[in-house]
Amino acid sequence: MASIFSKIIAGEIPSYKIAENDLYFSFLDINPVKAGHTLVVPKSEVDYIFDLEDQMLKGLFTFSKKVALAIEKVIPCKRIGIAVLGLEVPHAHVHLVPLDHIGMIDFGTKVKLSADEMKDISSKIATAFEA
């Protein structure tokens, strides 16, 4: 059965897309720990990040870097943190989270954003990604 991320990539489930290329896809986390919290996934469905082929893993982090730089242009923060959990969805992915201080990546604490706020944020980051 396809993962929820595969369904998002296929357009079967709506998302606040940031960017994609032939191998990777990025979109806002719908339960963010901070505005701008973005997920980056390979389009190929591999459960565990360290089961990705070396080139795919390198590409995932290279694509993530470009997405992180776009987030920094739009969301005020000191840095973009990266987290790999891999337990919540059986599809390799990384979390990119705007950070202001140590301890900000607390996946038990979420912020509530409206659909309009999510659309605005995703649009701004996507524009920065393309710049």
C-alpha atoms as a PDB file:
ATOM      1  CA  MET A   1       0.000   0.000   0.000  1.00  0.00           C
ATOM      2  CA  ALA A   2       1.263   3.473  -0.866  1.00  0.00           C
ATOM      3  CA  SER A   3       2.385   5.680   2.003  1.00  0.00           C
ATOM      4  CA  ILE A   4       0.611   8.963   2.710  1.00  0.00           C
ATOM      5  CA  PHE A   5       3.674  10.721   1.247  1.00  0.00           C
ATOM      6  CA  SER A   6       3.390   8.731  -2.003  1.00  0.00           C
ATOM      7  CA  LYS A   7      -0.267   9.778  -2.183  1.00  0.00           C
ATOM      8  CA  ILE A   8       0.731  13.423  -1.629  1.00  0.00           C
ATOM      9  CA  ILE A   9       3.388  13.186  -4.362  1.00  0.00           C
ATOM     10  CA  ALA A  10       0.821  11.629  -6.739  1.00  0.00           C
ATOM     11  CA  GLY A  11      -1.623  14.454  -5.997  1.00  0.00           C
ATOM     12  CA  GLU A  12      -4.167  12.099  -4.418  1.00  0.00           C
ATOM     13  CA  ILE A  13      -3.941  14.056  -1.143  1.00  0.00           C
ATOM     14  CA  PRO A  14      -3.577  17.850  -1.195  1.00  0.00           C
ATOM     15  CA  SER A  15      -0.452  19.470   0.208  1.00  0.00           C
ATOM     16  CA  TYR A  16       1.206  22.837   0.567  1.00  0.00           C
ATOM     17  CA  LYS A  17       3.920  22.064  -1.955  1.00  0.00           C
ATOM     18  CA  ILE A  18       7.206  23.922  -1.802  1.00  0.00           C
ATOM     19  CA  ALA A  19       9.217  22.350  -4.616  1.00  0.00           C
ATOM     20  CA  GLU A  20       9.870  19.177  -6.526  1.00  0.00           C
ATOM     21  CA  ASN A  21      12.112  17.724  -9.157  1.00  0.00           C
ATOM     22  CA  ASP A  22      12.179  14.300 -10.762  1.00  0.00           C
ATOM     23  CA  LEU A  23      13.475  12.609  -7.560  1.00  0.00           C
ATOM     24  CA  TYR A  24      12.355  14.692  -4.557  1.00  0.00           C
ATOM     25  CA  PHE A  25       9.302  16.508  -3.234  1.00  0.00           C
ATOM     26  CA  SER A  26       8.931  19.053  -0.421  1.00  0.00           C
ATOM     27  CA  PHE A  27       5.838  20.376   1.320  1.00  0.00           C
ATOM     28  CA  LEU A  28       4.794  22.056   4.549  1.00  0.00           C
ATOM     29  CA  ASP A  29       4.174  19.799   7.530  1.00  0.00           C
ATOM     30  CA  ILE A  30       0.446  20.072   8.339  1.00  0.00           C
ATOM     31  CA  ASN A  31       1.247  19.767  12.063  1.00  0.00           C
ATOM     32  CA  PRO A  32       4.222  22.125  12.267  1.00  0.00           C
ATOM     33  CA  VAL A  33       6.344  22.821  15.313  1.00  0.00           C
ATOM     34  CA  LYS A  34       6.885  26.310  13.829  1.00  0.00           C
ATOM     35  CA  ALA A  35       5.634  28.154  10.755  1.00  0.00           C
ATOM     36  CA  GLY A  36       7.745  27.059   7.788  1.00  0.00           C
ATOM     37  CA  HIS A  37       8.292  23.498   9.096  1.00  0.00           C
ATOM     38  CA  THR A  38       8.813  21.564   5.871  1.00  0.00           C
ATOM     39  CA  LEU A  39       9.156  17.895   4.940  1.00  0.00           C
ATOM     40  CA  VAL A  40      11.446  16.710   2.156  1.00  0.00           C
ATOM     41  CA  VAL A  41      10.943  13.214   0.752  1.00  0.00           C
ATOM     42  CA  PRO A  42      12.350  11.115  -2.057  1.00  0.00           C
ATOM     43  CA  LYS A  43       9.688  10.275  -4.609  1.00  0.00           C
ATOM     44  CA  SER A  44      10.693   6.619  -4.446  1.00  0.00           C
ATOM     45  CA  GLU A  45       9.015   4.957  -1.492  1.00  0.00           C
ATOM     46  CA  VAL A  46      11.725   3.626   0.809  1.00  0.00           C
ATOM     47  CA  ASP A  47      10.779   3.190   4.465  1.00  0.00           C
ATOM     48  CA  TYR A  48      14.094   3.777   6.257  1.00  0.00           C
ATOM     49  CA  ILE A  49      16.347   6.690   5.309  1.00  0.00           C
ATOM     50  CA  PHE A  50      19.504   4.605   5.649  1.00  0.00           C
ATOM     51  CA  ASP A  51      18.117   2.058   3.181  1.00  0.00           C
ATOM     52  CA  LEU A  52      18.307   4.719   0.441  1.00  0.00           C
ATOM     53  CA  GLU A  53      21.022   4.180  -2.138  1.00  0.00           C
ATOM     54  CA  ASP A  54      24.007   6.456  -1.494  1.00  0.00           C
ATOM     55  CA  GLN A  55      23.302   8.743  -4.466  1.00  0.00           C
ATOM     56  CA  MET A  56      19.635   9.072  -3.468  1.00  0.00           C
ATOM     57  CA  LEU A  57      20.622   9.950   0.119  1.00  0.00           C
ATOM     58  CA  LYS A  58      23.161  12.538  -1.080  1.00  0.00           C
ATOM     59  CA  GLY A  59      20.566  13.999  -3.427  1.00  0.00           C
ATOM     60  CA  LEU A  60      17.973  14.168  -0.652  1.00  0.00           C
ATOM     61  CA  PHE A  61      20.302  16.283   1.468  1.00  0.00           C
ATOM     62  CA  THR A  62      21.362  18.462  -1.477  1.00  0.00           C
ATOM     63  CA  PHE A  63      17.702  19.126  -2.338  1.00  0.00           C
ATOM     64  CA  SER A  64      16.954  19.719   1.367  1.00  0.00           C
ATOM     65  CA  LYS A  65      19.730  22.319   1.501  1.00  0.00           C
ATOM     66  CA  LYS A  66      18.135  24.290  -1.345  1.00  0.00           C
ATOM     67  CA  VAL A  67      14.735  24.100   0.384  1.00  0.00           C
ATOM     68  CA  ALA A  68      16.302  25.179   3.719  1.00  0.00           C
ATOM     69  CA  LEU A  69      17.917  28.207   2.087  1.00  0.00           C
ATOM     70  CA  ALA A  70      14.527  29.183   0.650  1.00  0.00           C
ATOM     71  CA  ILE A  71      12.862  28.830   4.060  1.00  0.00           C
ATOM     72  CA  GLU A  72      15.524  31.109   5.593  1.00  0.00           C
ATOM     73  CA  LYS A  73      14.678  33.825   3.058  1.00  0.00           C
ATOM     74  CA  VAL A  74      11.032  33.830   4.146  1.00  0.00           C
ATOM     75  CA  ILE A  75      10.787  32.752   7.786  1.00  0.00           C
ATOM     76  CA  PRO A  76      12.708  34.815  10.351  1.00  0.00           C
ATOM     77  CA  CYS A  77      15.021  32.439  12.218  1.00  0.00           C
ATOM     78  CA  LYS A  78      18.644  31.948  13.256  1.00  0.00           C
ATOM     79  CA  ARG A  79      19.060  28.588  11.507  1.00  0.00           C
ATOM     80  CA  ILE A  80      17.174  25.750   9.895  1.00  0.00           C
ATOM     81  CA  GLY A  81      17.306  22.586  11.975  1.00  0.00           C
ATOM     82  CA  ILE A  82      17.050  19.173  10.419  1.00  0.00           C
ATOM     83  CA  ALA A  83      15.591  16.081  12.030  1.00  0.00           C
ATOM     84  CA  VAL A  84      15.198  12.535  10.835  1.00  0.00           C
ATOM     85  CA  LEU A  85      12.783  10.485  12.904  1.00  0.00           C
ATOM     86  CA  GLY A  86      11.448   7.904  10.506  1.00  0.00           C
ATOM     87  CA  LEU A  87       8.891   6.306  12.784  1.00  0.00           C
ATOM     88  CA  GLU A  88       5.692   8.180  12.017  1.00  0.00           C
ATOM     89  CA  VAL A  89       5.415   7.472   8.263  1.00  0.00           C
ATOM     90  CA  PRO A  90       6.995   4.483   6.478  1.00  0.00           C
ATOM     91  CA  HIS A  91       8.596   6.699   3.828  1.00  0.00           C
ATOM     92  CA  ALA A  92      12.067   8.214   4.260  1.00  0.00           C
ATOM     93  CA  HIS A  93      11.910  11.951   4.962  1.00  0.00           C
ATOM     94  CA  VAL A  94      13.586  14.842   6.721  1.00  0.00           C
ATOM     95  CA  HIS A  95      12.050  17.652   8.733  1.00  0.00           C
ATOM     96  CA  LEU A  96      13.374  21.184   8.137  1.00  0.00           C
ATOM     97  CA  VAL A  97      12.442  23.449  11.057  1.00  0.00           C
ATOM     98  CA  PRO A  98      13.207  27.164  11.433  1.00  0.00           C
ATOM     99  CA  LEU A  99      15.048  27.631  14.749  1.00  0.00           C
ATOM    100  CA  ASP A 100      15.550  30.580  17.045  1.00  0.00           C
ATOM    101  CA  HIS A 101      17.167  28.742  19.978  1.00  0.00           C
ATOM    102  CA  ILE A 102      18.269  25.304  21.176  1.00  0.00           C
ATOM    103  CA  GLY A 103      15.409  23.018  22.072  1.00  0.00           C
ATOM    104  CA  MET A 104      12.940  24.347  19.508  1.00  0.00           C
ATOM    105  CA  ILE A 105      12.472  21.024  17.748  1.00  0.00           C
ATOM    106  CA  ASP A 106       9.898  19.565  20.110  1.00  0.00           C
ATOM    107  CA  PHE A 107       7.628  17.323  18.083  1.00  0.00           C
ATOM    108  CA  GLY A 108       5.176  17.211  20.993  1.00  0.00           C
ATOM    109  CA  THR A 109       4.494  20.925  20.605  1.00  0.00           C
ATOM    110  CA  LYS A 110       2.660  22.064  17.498  1.00  0.00           C
ATOM    111  CA  VAL A 111       1.481  25.436  16.232  1.00  0.00           C
ATOM    112  CA  LYS A 112      -1.925  25.975  14.649  1.00  0.00           C
ATOM    113  CA  LEU A 113      -1.930  27.759  11.305  1.00  0.00           C
ATOM    114  CA  SER A 114      -4.928  28.475   9.119  1.00  0.00           C
ATOM    115  CA  ALA A 115      -5.181  27.177   5.557  1.00  0.00           C
ATOM    116  CA  ASP A 116      -4.608  30.733   4.330  1.00  0.00           C
ATOM    117  CA  GLU A 117      -1.449  31.038   6.444  1.00  0.00           C
ATOM    118  CA  MET A 118      -0.190  27.700   5.113  1.00  0.00           C
ATOM    119  CA  LYS A 119      -0.889  28.744   1.496  1.00  0.00           C
ATOM    120  CA  ASP A 120       0.874  32.067   2.037  1.00  0.00           C
ATOM    121  CA  ILE A 121       3.930  30.449   3.618  1.00  0.00           C
ATOM    122  CA  SER A 122       4.209  27.706   0.979  1.00  0.00           C
ATOM    123  CA  SER A 123       3.856  30.237  -1.831  1.00  0.00           C
ATOM    124  CA  LYS A 124       6.561  32.498  -0.399  1.00  0.00           C
ATOM    125  CA  ILE A 125       8.999  29.632   0.203  1.00  0.00           C
ATOM    126  CA  ALA A 126       8.307  28.190  -3.261  1.00  0.00           C
ATOM    127  CA  THR A 127       9.052  31.586  -4.813  1.00  0.00           C
ATOM    128  CA  ALA A 128      12.295  31.852  -2.808  1.00  0.00           C
ATOM    129  CA  PHE A 129      13.208  28.306  -3.891  1.00  0.00           C
ATOM    130  CA  GLU A 130      12.910  29.287  -7.542  1.00  0.00           C
ATOM    131  CA  ALA A 131      14.937  32.499  -7.102  1.00  0.00           C
END
